[in-house]
Protein backbone atom coordinates (compact mmCIF):
# COMPACT_ATOMS: atom_id res chain seq x y z
CA MET A 1 155.28 132.87 174.18
CA LYS A 2 155.65 136.13 172.82
CA HIS A 3 152.25 138.36 172.07
CA GLN A 4 152.53 139.62 168.78
CA ARG A 5 151.30 143.06 168.09
CA SER A 6 148.80 143.07 164.85
CA GLN A 7 149.89 145.88 162.81
CA ASN A 8 146.75 147.81 160.91
CA ARG A 9 148.22 148.05 157.37
CA SER A 10 144.94 149.39 155.62
CA ALA A 11 146.16 151.38 152.49
CA ALA A 12 146.72 154.92 152.82
CA PRO A 13 143.93 156.73 151.17
CA LYS A 14 144.40 157.35 146.99
CA SER A 15 144.35 160.68 145.80
CA GLN A 16 141.59 160.37 143.17
CA VAL A 17 142.16 161.54 140.21
CA PRO A 18 140.19 164.78 139.04
CA GLU A 19 137.01 164.43 136.75
CA SER A 20 137.90 165.27 133.20
CA PRO A 21 134.83 167.29 131.59
CA GLY A 22 134.09 164.62 129.13
CA ASP A 23 133.85 161.89 132.59
CA ALA A 24 131.89 164.42 134.04
CA ALA A 25 129.59 165.02 131.17
CA VAL A 26 128.52 161.27 130.52
CA ARG A 27 128.04 160.85 134.15
CA VAL A 28 125.58 163.74 134.20
CA GLN A 29 124.15 162.54 130.87
CA SER A 30 123.71 158.67 132.04
CA ALA A 31 121.68 160.24 135.90
CA HIS A 32 119.83 162.51 133.59
CA ALA A 33 118.80 159.16 131.76
CA ALA A 34 117.57 157.55 134.83
CA ALA A 35 116.25 159.97 136.53
CA LEU A 36 113.97 161.03 133.34
CA GLU A 37 113.40 157.33 133.26
CA LEU A 38 112.22 157.09 136.59
CA VAL A 39 109.99 160.06 136.00
CA ASP A 40 108.50 158.98 133.17
CA ARG A 41 107.77 155.46 134.68
CA HIS A 42 105.84 157.22 137.71
CA ARG A 43 104.12 160.37 135.72
CA PRO A 44 100.85 158.34 136.00
CA ALA A 45 100.65 158.85 139.93
CA LEU A 46 102.07 161.92 139.57
CA LEU A 47 99.47 163.03 137.72
CA ARG A 48 96.66 161.65 139.57
CA GLN A 49 98.49 163.44 142.58
CA ALA A 50 98.75 166.71 140.76
CA ARG A 51 94.64 166.25 140.16
CA THR A 52 93.93 165.72 143.57
CA LEU A 53 95.78 168.50 145.10
CA CYS A 54 94.89 171.07 141.82
CA HIS A 55 91.23 170.32 141.02
CA ARG A 56 89.80 172.72 142.81
CA GLY A 57 92.43 175.55 142.83
CA GLY A 58 92.66 176.47 139.17
CA LEU A 59 95.99 175.31 138.71
CA ASP A 60 96.78 172.90 135.70
CA ALA A 61 97.77 169.85 136.92
CA GLU A 62 100.29 168.69 134.19
CA ASP A 63 101.88 172.05 134.31
CA LEU A 64 102.77 171.50 137.94
CA VAL A 65 103.87 167.85 137.41
CA ASP A 66 105.84 169.16 134.12
CA GLU A 67 107.34 172.14 136.23
CA MET A 68 108.44 169.53 139.33
CA ILE A 69 110.13 167.13 136.93
CA GLU A 70 111.96 170.27 135.39
CA ARG A 71 113.71 171.59 138.75
CA LEU A 72 114.37 167.81 139.40
CA LEU A 73 116.21 167.03 136.28
CA ARG A 74 118.18 170.29 136.88
CA SER A 75 120.35 167.89 139.94
CA PRO A 76 119.59 164.15 138.28
CA GLU A 77 122.27 162.46 140.46
CA PRO A 78 120.11 162.03 143.66
CA LEU A 79 117.29 161.07 141.73
CA ALA A 80 119.16 158.76 139.34
CA ALA A 81 120.12 157.11 142.78
CA LEU A 82 116.84 156.70 143.53
CA LYS A 83 116.56 153.76 140.15
CA ARG A 84 118.39 151.22 143.16
CA GLU A 85 114.85 151.71 145.68
CA GLY A 86 111.43 150.08 144.57
CA ASP A 87 108.88 151.64 143.09
CA ALA A 88 106.83 152.12 145.99
CA PHE A 89 109.67 153.97 147.61
CA VAL A 90 110.35 156.16 144.87
CA GLU A 91 106.53 156.80 143.91
CA GLN A 92 106.57 157.90 147.78
CA VAL A 93 109.69 160.05 147.32
CA LEU A 94 108.05 161.66 144.20
CA THR A 95 104.78 162.32 144.90
CA GLY A 96 106.16 163.65 148.23
CA ALA A 97 108.40 165.95 146.37
CA LEU A 98 105.44 167.44 144.26
CA THR A 99 103.43 168.16 146.95
CA ASP A 100 106.28 170.25 148.33
CA TYR A 101 106.67 171.50 145.47
CA LEU A 102 103.09 172.60 145.35
CA LEU A 103 103.59 174.42 149.25
CA VAL A 104 106.55 176.11 148.01
CA ARG A 105 104.53 177.91 144.66
CA GLY A 106 102.19 178.79 147.48
CA GLY A 107 99.36 176.43 147.18
CA ARG A 108 97.35 176.17 150.83
CA PHE A 109 95.64 172.88 151.61
CA ASP A 110 92.70 172.69 153.30
CA ASP A 111 91.38 169.97 155.48
CA ASP A 112 90.69 167.42 152.92
CA ALA A 113 94.00 167.86 151.01
CA THR A 114 92.59 169.86 147.88
CA LEU A 115 94.11 172.95 146.90
CA HIS A 116 92.16 176.03 147.12
């Protein structure tokens, strides 16, 4: 009995066709819409977090949230990809991003997690 060798006949990777400018615009527009929907849905939680962080710091919570959202929407694809995740995870990511954004702006926290 002959032992027959199995041949791996996996297809060679197809060369990707470059994305047309129109396709790229549609992809970015779709990602932007999905990202905007996510931040709109989680805006109340973001505002609660911002109010907690800003209540003694002289920063406006709504401005902080708006600035962070504006920055996130500059590159909407990663945010839009979160749409596949559960709401609790998305909220955790967004509130974490808000806290990080506040720290980048130069905010400091004392022991009870309030901005001063």
